[in-house]
Amino acid sequence: MSSSEKKESKIYAISVVGGYEEKIALIFAERAQTLKLDVRSIVYSEDLKGTVIVEIGDIKDLFYLIRGIKNVKRKRPIAINLQDVVKLLKPLTVLPSLNKGQLVEIIGGPFKGMKGRVVEIYSTRGEADITLLEGDSKIVVTIPTEHLKVSEQK
């Protein structure tokens, strides 16, 4: 096992001049390959102006990576955790507008295909309590709102 495989990945946000994210990410990739640096991934997003995110094994390699590049604003990268990266890069989902008493169809999860009526909405958690209309008993389940589709009321 080489020393690069033993080290745990660390993720850093590197501040760059806005509009140059793609160019700098390509320069980073070329430099990492040429110098055989322990760079595991390089990510940028048009939505995240002025930032390139780098996953790296050895912190020393990060400084070799950014040293001397003109459009890198700060020479001191900011350590971030994986959950923050996922939040930044995860596409936003459009949540359906729900009202109490509305008929809905469940389009995901274990109750997929069932119909129900909205009892309570928890907008801060992105969930809703639904009374299932299938079967004889009145079962109330909590479902994420992205798994719900508003049914046409007749």
N, C-alpha and C. Protein backbone atom coordinates (compact mmCIF):
# COMPACT_ATOMS: atom_id res chain seq x y z
N MET A 1 0.83 -1.18 0.00
CA MET A 1 0.00 0.00 0.00
C MET A 1 0.88 1.25 0.00
N SER A 2 0.61 2.17 -0.90
CA SER A 2 1.42 3.39 -0.94
C SER A 2 0.97 4.36 0.14
N SER A 3 1.80 5.37 0.38
CA SER A 3 1.48 6.32 1.44
C SER A 3 0.24 7.15 1.11
N SER A 4 -0.05 7.36 -0.19
CA SER A 4 -1.23 8.16 -0.55
C SER A 4 -2.52 7.41 -0.25
N GLU A 5 -2.50 6.08 -0.26
CA GLU A 5 -3.70 5.30 0.02
C GLU A 5 -3.99 5.26 1.53
N LYS A 6 -2.98 5.47 2.36
CA LYS A 6 -3.16 5.43 3.80
C LYS A 6 -3.82 6.69 4.33
N LYS A 7 -3.60 7.82 3.66
CA LYS A 7 -4.11 9.09 4.16
C LYS A 7 -5.58 9.26 3.82
N GLU A 8 -6.28 9.84 4.76
CA GLU A 8 -7.70 10.12 4.55
C GLU A 8 -7.85 11.40 3.72
N SER A 9 -8.86 11.44 2.88
CA SER A 9 -9.10 12.62 2.05
C SER A 9 -9.55 13.80 2.89
N LYS A 10 -9.09 14.97 2.48
CA LYS A 10 -9.55 16.21 3.08
C LYS A 10 -10.06 17.07 1.94
N ILE A 11 -11.07 17.90 2.23
CA ILE A 11 -11.69 18.71 1.19
C ILE A 11 -11.46 20.18 1.52
N TYR A 12 -11.05 20.94 0.51
CA TYR A 12 -10.74 22.35 0.69
C TYR A 12 -11.45 23.19 -0.36
N ALA A 13 -11.91 24.37 0.07
CA ALA A 13 -12.47 25.36 -0.85
C ALA A 13 -11.37 26.38 -1.14
N ILE A 14 -11.13 26.60 -2.42
CA ILE A 14 -10.09 27.53 -2.83
C ILE A 14 -10.77 28.73 -3.48
N SER A 15 -10.48 29.91 -2.98
CA SER A 15 -11.09 31.13 -3.49
C SER A 15 -10.35 31.58 -4.74
N VAL A 16 -11.13 31.79 -5.82
CA VAL A 16 -10.55 32.20 -7.11
C VAL A 16 -11.33 33.39 -7.65
N VAL A 17 -10.79 34.01 -8.68
CA VAL A 17 -11.48 35.13 -9.33
C VAL A 17 -12.73 34.59 -10.02
N GLY A 18 -13.87 35.24 -9.79
CA GLY A 18 -15.14 34.80 -10.38
C GLY A 18 -15.07 34.73 -11.90
N GLY A 19 -15.60 33.65 -12.46
CA GLY A 19 -15.59 33.46 -13.91
C GLY A 19 -14.41 32.61 -14.38
N TYR A 20 -13.43 32.38 -13.53
CA TYR A 20 -12.25 31.60 -13.89
C TYR A 20 -12.25 30.21 -13.27
N GLU A 21 -13.39 29.80 -12.69
CA GLU A 21 -13.44 28.52 -11.97
C GLU A 21 -13.06 27.34 -12.86
N GLU A 22 -13.63 27.28 -14.06
CA GLU A 22 -13.35 26.16 -14.96
C GLU A 22 -11.89 26.15 -15.40
N LYS A 23 -11.38 27.31 -15.76
CA LYS A 23 -10.00 27.43 -16.20
C LYS A 23 -9.02 26.98 -15.12
N ILE A 24 -9.28 27.43 -13.89
CA ILE A 24 -8.40 27.08 -12.78
C ILE A 24 -8.52 25.60 -12.44
N ALA A 25 -9.73 25.04 -12.51
CA ALA A 25 -9.91 23.60 -12.27
C ALA A 25 -9.10 22.80 -13.28
N LEU A 26 -9.08 23.23 -14.54
CA LEU A 26 -8.29 22.54 -15.57
C LEU A 26 -6.79 22.68 -15.30
N ILE A 27 -6.37 23.85 -14.86
CA ILE A 27 -4.95 24.05 -14.51
C ILE A 27 -4.57 23.15 -13.34
N PHE A 28 -5.46 23.09 -12.32
CA PHE A 28 -5.21 22.21 -11.18
C PHE A 28 -5.07 20.76 -11.63
N ALA A 29 -5.96 20.31 -12.50
CA ALA A 29 -5.93 18.92 -12.96
C ALA A 29 -4.63 18.62 -13.72
N GLU A 30 -4.23 19.53 -14.57
CA GLU A 30 -2.99 19.34 -15.34
C GLU A 30 -1.77 19.34 -14.42
N ARG A 31 -1.75 20.27 -13.48
CA ARG A 31 -0.63 20.36 -12.54
C ARG A 31 -0.55 19.11 -11.65
N ALA A 32 -1.71 18.64 -11.18
CA ALA A 32 -1.74 17.45 -10.32
C ALA A 32 -1.20 16.23 -11.07
N GLN A 33 -1.56 16.12 -12.35
CA GLN A 33 -1.10 14.98 -13.14
C GLN A 33 0.41 15.10 -13.43
N THR A 34 0.84 16.29 -13.79
CA THR A 34 2.25 16.51 -14.13
C THR A 34 3.17 16.28 -12.92
N LEU A 35 2.77 16.83 -11.77
CA LEU A 35 3.60 16.72 -10.56
C LEU A 35 3.31 15.47 -9.73
N LYS A 36 2.36 14.64 -10.20
CA LYS A 36 1.96 13.42 -9.50
C LYS A 36 1.54 13.72 -8.05
N LEU A 37 0.65 14.71 -7.91
CA LEU A 37 0.15 15.10 -6.60
C LEU A 37 -1.01 14.20 -6.22
N ASP A 38 -1.26 14.08 -4.93
CA ASP A 38 -2.34 13.24 -4.41
C ASP A 38 -3.67 14.01 -4.41
N VAL A 39 -4.09 14.44 -5.60
CA VAL A 39 -5.36 15.14 -5.77
C VAL A 39 -6.37 14.10 -6.21
N ARG A 40 -7.46 13.97 -5.45
CA ARG A 40 -8.44 12.91 -5.73
C ARG A 40 -9.64 13.40 -6.52
N SER A 41 -10.00 14.67 -6.36
CA SER A 41 -11.06 15.24 -7.19
C SER A 41 -10.99 16.76 -7.16
N ILE A 42 -11.50 17.35 -8.25
CA ILE A 42 -11.57 18.80 -8.38
C ILE A 42 -12.98 19.11 -8.86
N VAL A 43 -13.67 19.99 -8.15
CA VAL A 43 -15.07 20.29 -8.48
C VAL A 43 -15.27 21.80 -8.51
N TYR A 44 -16.04 22.25 -9.50
CA TYR A 44 -16.48 23.64 -9.51
C TYR A 44 -17.92 23.65 -10.00
N SER A 45 -18.62 24.71 -9.70
CA SER A 45 -20.01 24.84 -10.12
C SER A 45 -20.26 26.27 -10.55
N GLU A 46 -21.05 26.44 -11.60
CA GLU A 46 -21.38 27.79 -12.05
C GLU A 46 -22.20 28.52 -10.99
N ASP A 47 -22.93 27.76 -10.16
CA ASP A 47 -23.72 28.36 -9.09
C ASP A 47 -22.86 28.83 -7.92
N LEU A 48 -21.66 28.29 -7.82
CA LEU A 48 -20.77 28.60 -6.71
C LEU A 48 -19.64 29.48 -7.21
N LYS A 49 -19.94 30.74 -7.45
CA LYS A 49 -18.98 31.67 -8.03
C LYS A 49 -17.76 31.88 -7.14
N GLY A 50 -16.60 31.89 -7.76
CA GLY A 50 -15.38 32.22 -7.05
C GLY A 50 -14.81 31.12 -6.18
N THR A 51 -15.25 29.88 -6.39
CA THR A 51 -14.76 28.79 -5.55
C THR A 51 -14.50 27.54 -6.37
N VAL A 52 -13.37 26.90 -6.12
CA VAL A 52 -13.05 25.59 -6.67
C VAL A 52 -12.82 24.68 -5.46
N ILE A 53 -13.45 23.50 -5.48
CA ILE A 53 -13.34 22.57 -4.36
C ILE A 53 -12.39 21.45 -4.76
N VAL A 54 -11.44 21.15 -3.88
CA VAL A 54 -10.42 20.14 -4.17
C VAL A 54 -10.42 19.11 -3.04
N GLU A 55 -10.43 17.83 -3.42
CA GLU A 55 -10.27 16.73 -2.47
C GLU A 55 -8.83 16.24 -2.61
N ILE A 56 -8.14 16.18 -1.50
CA ILE A 56 -6.71 15.88 -1.55
C ILE A 56 -6.30 14.99 -0.38
N GLY A 57 -5.27 14.19 -0.58
CA GLY A 57 -4.81 13.30 0.47
C GLY A 57 -3.76 13.94 1.36
N ASP A 58 -2.82 14.66 0.77
CA ASP A 58 -1.71 15.25 1.52
C ASP A 58 -1.78 16.77 1.42
N ILE A 59 -1.83 17.44 2.54
CA ILE A 59 -1.96 18.90 2.57
C ILE A 59 -0.79 19.59 1.86
N LYS A 60 0.40 18.99 1.91
CA LYS A 60 1.55 19.59 1.21
C LYS A 60 1.29 19.68 -0.29
N ASP A 61 0.62 18.66 -0.83
CA ASP A 61 0.33 18.66 -2.26
C ASP A 61 -0.61 19.80 -2.64
N LEU A 62 -1.48 20.20 -1.73
CA LEU A 62 -2.41 21.29 -2.00
C LEU A 62 -1.64 22.59 -2.23
N PHE A 63 -0.63 22.84 -1.44
CA PHE A 63 0.13 24.07 -1.61
C PHE A 63 0.95 24.05 -2.90
N TYR A 64 1.45 22.88 -3.32
CA TYR A 64 2.10 22.78 -4.62
C TYR A 64 1.10 23.02 -5.75
N LEU A 65 -0.13 22.60 -5.52
CA LEU A 65 -1.18 22.73 -6.53
C LEU A 65 -1.54 24.20 -6.79
N ILE A 66 -1.68 25.00 -5.75
CA ILE A 66 -2.15 26.38 -5.92
C ILE A 66 -1.03 27.41 -6.06
N ARG A 67 0.19 27.03 -5.73
CA ARG A 67 1.31 27.98 -5.73
C ARG A 67 1.55 28.57 -7.12
N GLY A 68 1.56 29.89 -7.19
CA GLY A 68 1.93 30.58 -8.42
C GLY A 68 0.82 30.72 -9.45
N ILE A 69 -0.38 30.31 -9.15
CA ILE A 69 -1.47 30.46 -10.11
C ILE A 69 -2.08 31.85 -9.93
N LYS A 70 -2.12 32.60 -11.02
CA LYS A 70 -2.49 34.01 -10.99
C LYS A 70 -3.87 34.31 -10.42
N ASN A 71 -4.89 33.57 -10.81
CA ASN A 71 -6.26 33.93 -10.43
C ASN A 71 -6.76 33.27 -9.15
N VAL A 72 -5.85 32.67 -8.38
CA VAL A 72 -6.22 32.18 -7.06
C VAL A 72 -6.14 33.37 -6.12
N LYS A 73 -7.28 33.72 -5.48
CA LYS A 73 -7.33 34.93 -4.65
C LYS A 73 -6.53 34.79 -3.37
N ARG A 74 -6.90 33.80 -2.57
CA ARG A 74 -6.23 33.60 -1.29
C ARG A 74 -5.35 32.37 -1.39
N LYS A 75 -4.18 32.46 -0.89
CA LYS A 75 -3.26 31.33 -0.93
C LYS A 75 -3.50 30.39 0.24
N ARG A 76 -4.51 30.69 1.05
CA ARG A 76 -4.82 29.85 2.20
C ARG A 76 -6.19 29.20 1.99
N PRO A 77 -6.23 27.92 1.59
CA PRO A 77 -7.49 27.23 1.36
C PRO A 77 -8.27 27.03 2.65
N ILE A 78 -9.58 26.89 2.52
CA ILE A 78 -10.46 26.71 3.68
C ILE A 78 -10.90 25.25 3.72
N ALA A 79 -10.66 24.57 4.85
CA ALA A 79 -11.07 23.18 5.00
C ALA A 79 -12.58 23.13 5.19
N ILE A 80 -13.24 22.23 4.46
CA ILE A 80 -14.68 22.05 4.58
C ILE A 80 -14.97 20.56 4.70
N ASN A 81 -16.18 20.22 5.18
CA ASN A 81 -16.50 18.79 5.31
C ASN A 81 -17.39 18.35 4.15
N LEU A 82 -17.50 17.05 3.98
CA LEU A 82 -18.22 16.47 2.85
C LEU A 82 -19.70 16.87 2.84
N GLN A 83 -20.33 16.95 4.00
CA GLN A 83 -21.74 17.31 4.07
C GLN A 83 -21.98 18.71 3.49
N ASP A 84 -21.05 19.64 3.74
CA ASP A 84 -21.19 20.99 3.19
C ASP A 84 -21.09 20.96 1.67
N VAL A 85 -20.20 20.14 1.14
CA VAL A 85 -20.05 20.03 -0.32
C VAL A 85 -21.33 19.47 -0.93
N VAL A 86 -21.89 18.44 -0.32
CA VAL A 86 -23.12 17.83 -0.83
C VAL A 86 -24.25 18.85 -0.84
N LYS A 87 -24.37 19.65 0.22
CA LYS A 87 -25.41 20.68 0.28
C LYS A 87 -25.23 21.70 -0.84
N LEU A 88 -23.98 22.07 -1.11
CA LEU A 88 -23.71 23.07 -2.14
C LEU A 88 -24.00 22.55 -3.54
N LEU A 89 -23.71 21.29 -3.78
CA LEU A 89 -23.80 20.76 -5.14
C LEU A 89 -25.09 20.00 -5.42
N LYS A 90 -25.87 19.69 -4.39
CA LYS A 90 -27.11 18.94 -4.58
C LYS A 90 -28.13 19.84 -5.29
N PRO A 91 -28.75 19.34 -6.36
CA PRO A 91 -29.72 20.18 -7.06
C PRO A 91 -30.94 20.46 -6.17
N LEU A 92 -31.46 21.65 -6.29
CA LEU A 92 -32.63 22.02 -5.51
C LEU A 92 -33.85 21.31 -6.07
N THR A 93 -34.68 20.78 -5.19
CA THR A 93 -35.90 20.12 -5.63
C THR A 93 -37.07 21.08 -5.41
N VAL A 94 -37.95 21.11 -6.39
CA VAL A 94 -39.12 21.95 -6.27
C VAL A 94 -40.17 21.17 -5.49
N LEU A 95 -40.54 21.68 -4.35
CA LEU A 95 -41.51 20.99 -3.50
C LEU A 95 -42.92 21.37 -3.94
N PRO A 96 -43.82 20.40 -3.93
CA PRO A 96 -45.20 20.71 -4.31
C PRO A 96 -45.85 21.60 -3.25
N SER A 97 -46.75 22.47 -3.70
CA SER A 97 -47.47 23.30 -2.72
C SER A 97 -48.63 22.47 -2.19
N LEU A 98 -48.56 22.17 -0.91
CA LEU A 98 -49.56 21.31 -0.28
C LEU A 98 -50.42 22.13 0.68
N ASN A 99 -51.65 21.70 0.79
CA ASN A 99 -52.58 22.29 1.75
C ASN A 99 -53.21 21.16 2.54
N LYS A 100 -53.62 21.46 3.76
CA LYS A 100 -54.30 20.44 4.57
C LYS A 100 -55.59 20.02 3.87
N GLY A 101 -55.87 18.72 3.89
CA GLY A 101 -57.08 18.19 3.29
C GLY A 101 -56.95 17.86 1.81
N GLN A 102 -55.81 18.17 1.21
CA GLN A 102 -55.60 17.95 -0.22
C GLN A 102 -55.33 16.47 -0.50
N LEU A 103 -55.83 15.97 -1.62
CA LEU A 103 -55.55 14.60 -2.04
C LEU A 103 -54.19 14.54 -2.71
N VAL A 104 -53.39 13.53 -2.35
CA VAL A 104 -52.06 13.39 -2.94
C VAL A 104 -51.82 11.94 -3.33
N GLU A 105 -50.89 11.77 -4.25
CA GLU A 105 -50.43 10.43 -4.62
C GLU A 105 -48.99 10.33 -4.18
N ILE A 106 -48.61 9.19 -3.61
CA ILE A 106 -47.24 8.99 -3.14
C ILE A 106 -46.45 8.40 -4.30
N ILE A 107 -45.38 9.09 -4.70
CA ILE A 107 -44.62 8.69 -5.88
C ILE A 107 -43.24 8.12 -5.53
N GLY A 108 -42.95 7.94 -4.25
CA GLY A 108 -41.66 7.38 -3.85
C GLY A 108 -41.74 6.77 -2.47
N GLY A 109 -40.79 5.92 -2.16
CA GLY A 109 -40.73 5.31 -0.84
C GLY A 109 -41.57 4.05 -0.75
N PRO A 110 -41.73 3.52 0.46
CA PRO A 110 -42.43 2.24 0.63
C PRO A 110 -43.93 2.31 0.33
N PHE A 111 -44.53 3.50 0.34
CA PHE A 111 -45.97 3.63 0.07
C PHE A 111 -46.24 4.10 -1.35
N LYS A 112 -45.27 3.94 -2.23
CA LYS A 112 -45.38 4.40 -3.62
C LYS A 112 -46.63 3.81 -4.28
N GLY A 113 -47.36 4.67 -4.98
CA GLY A 113 -48.56 4.24 -5.69
C GLY A 113 -49.84 4.41 -4.88
N MET A 114 -49.74 4.65 -3.60
CA MET A 114 -50.93 4.81 -2.76
C MET A 114 -51.40 6.27 -2.80
N LYS A 115 -52.66 6.45 -2.47
CA LYS A 115 -53.24 7.79 -2.39
C LYS A 115 -53.54 8.11 -0.93
N GLY A 116 -53.56 9.40 -0.63
CA GLY A 116 -53.83 9.80 0.73
C GLY A 116 -54.31 11.24 0.80
N ARG A 117 -54.60 11.67 2.01
CA ARG A 117 -55.05 13.04 2.25
C ARG A 117 -54.09 13.69 3.25
N VAL A 118 -53.71 14.94 2.96
CA VAL A 118 -52.77 15.67 3.81
C VAL A 118 -53.45 16.04 5.12
N VAL A 119 -52.80 15.66 6.24
CA VAL A 119 -53.30 15.97 7.57
C VAL A 119 -52.53 17.15 8.17
N GLU A 120 -51.21 17.12 8.04
CA GLU A 120 -50.34 18.15 8.62
C GLU A 120 -49.13 18.33 7.71
N ILE A 121 -48.62 19.56 7.64
CA ILE A 121 -47.46 19.86 6.81
C ILE A 121 -46.36 20.41 7.71
N TYR A 122 -45.15 19.85 7.58
CA TYR A 122 -43.98 20.31 8.33
C TYR A 122 -42.99 20.90 7.34
N SER A 123 -43.17 22.16 6.98
CA SER A 123 -42.36 22.77 5.93
C SER A 123 -40.88 22.88 6.32
N THR A 124 -40.59 23.05 7.60
CA THR A 124 -39.19 23.18 8.01
C THR A 124 -38.43 21.86 7.84
N ARG A 125 -39.13 20.74 8.00
CA ARG A 125 -38.51 19.42 7.83
C ARG A 125 -38.69 18.88 6.43
N GLY A 126 -39.58 19.48 5.63
CA GLY A 126 -39.85 18.99 4.29
C GLY A 126 -40.65 17.70 4.31
N GLU A 127 -41.56 17.56 5.26
CA GLU A 127 -42.37 16.35 5.41
C GLU A 127 -43.83 16.72 5.60
N ALA A 128 -44.70 15.72 5.39
CA ALA A 128 -46.13 15.91 5.62
C ALA A 128 -46.71 14.63 6.19
N ASP A 129 -47.70 14.77 7.08
CA ASP A 129 -48.45 13.62 7.58
C ASP A 129 -49.59 13.36 6.60
N ILE A 130 -49.72 12.12 6.19
CA ILE A 130 -50.71 11.71 5.20
C ILE A 130 -51.56 10.60 5.79
N THR A 131 -52.90 10.71 5.65
CA THR A 131 -53.79 9.61 5.99
C THR A 131 -53.98 8.78 4.73
N LEU A 132 -53.57 7.53 4.78
CA LEU A 132 -53.69 6.66 3.63
C LEU A 132 -55.15 6.31 3.38
N LEU A 133 -55.56 6.36 2.11
CA LEU A 133 -56.94 6.07 1.74
C LEU A 133 -57.11 4.61 1.33
N GLU A 134 -56.02 3.87 1.28
CA GLU A 134 -56.07 2.45 0.90
C GLU A 134 -56.49 1.63 2.12
N GLY A 135 -57.33 0.66 1.92
CA GLY A 135 -57.72 -0.24 3.01
C GLY A 135 -58.79 0.36 3.92
N ASP A 136 -59.15 -0.40 4.96
CA ASP A 136 -60.23 0.00 5.87
C ASP A 136 -59.76 0.90 7.00
N SER A 137 -58.52 0.72 7.45
CA SER A 137 -58.05 1.47 8.62
C SER A 137 -57.50 2.83 8.21
N LYS A 138 -57.53 3.76 9.14
CA LYS A 138 -57.00 5.11 8.92
C LYS A 138 -55.56 5.15 9.44
N ILE A 139 -54.63 4.94 8.56
CA ILE A 139 -53.22 4.95 8.95
C ILE A 139 -52.63 6.31 8.55
N VAL A 140 -51.95 6.96 9.50
CA VAL A 140 -51.28 8.23 9.23
C VAL A 140 -49.78 7.96 9.16
N VAL A 141 -49.16 8.37 8.05
CA VAL A 141 -47.72 8.19 7.87
C VAL A 141 -47.09 9.54 7.57
N THR A 142 -45.83 9.69 7.94
CA THR A 142 -45.08 10.90 7.62
C THR A 142 -44.22 10.61 6.41
N ILE A 143 -44.39 11.43 5.37
CA ILE A 143 -43.73 11.21 4.08
C ILE A 143 -42.96 12.49 3.70
N PRO A 144 -41.75 12.36 3.15
CA PRO A 144 -41.05 13.55 2.62
C PRO A 144 -41.88 14.17 1.48
N THR A 145 -41.95 15.49 1.45
CA THR A 145 -42.80 16.15 0.47
C THR A 145 -42.34 15.93 -0.97
N GLU A 146 -41.06 15.61 -1.19
CA GLU A 146 -40.63 15.33 -2.57
C GLU A 146 -41.17 14.01 -3.08
N HIS A 147 -41.73 13.17 -2.20
CA HIS A 147 -42.34 11.90 -2.61
C HIS A 147 -43.84 12.03 -2.84
N LEU A 148 -44.35 13.27 -2.84
CA LEU A 148 -45.79 13.48 -2.99
C LEU A 148 -46.10 14.23 -4.27
N LYS A 149 -47.20 13.85 -4.89
CA LYS A 149 -47.69 14.54 -6.09
C LYS A 149 -49.15 14.87 -5.83
N VAL A 150 -49.53 16.11 -6.05
CA VAL A 150 -50.90 16.54 -5.81
C VAL A 150 -51.80 15.85 -6.83
N SER A 151 -52.84 15.18 -6.32
CA SER A 151 -53.82 14.53 -7.20
C SER A 151 -54.89 15.53 -7.61
N GLU A 152 -55.46 15.29 -8.77
CA GLU A 152 -56.56 16.16 -9.22
C GLU A 152 -57.80 15.85 -8.40
N GLN A 153 -58.40 16.87 -7.86
CA GLN A 153 -59.59 16.67 -7.06
C GLN A 153 -60.82 16.68 -7.97
N LYS A 154 -61.73 15.75 -7.70
CA LYS A 154 -62.94 15.65 -8.55
C LYS A 154 -64.13 16.15 -7.79
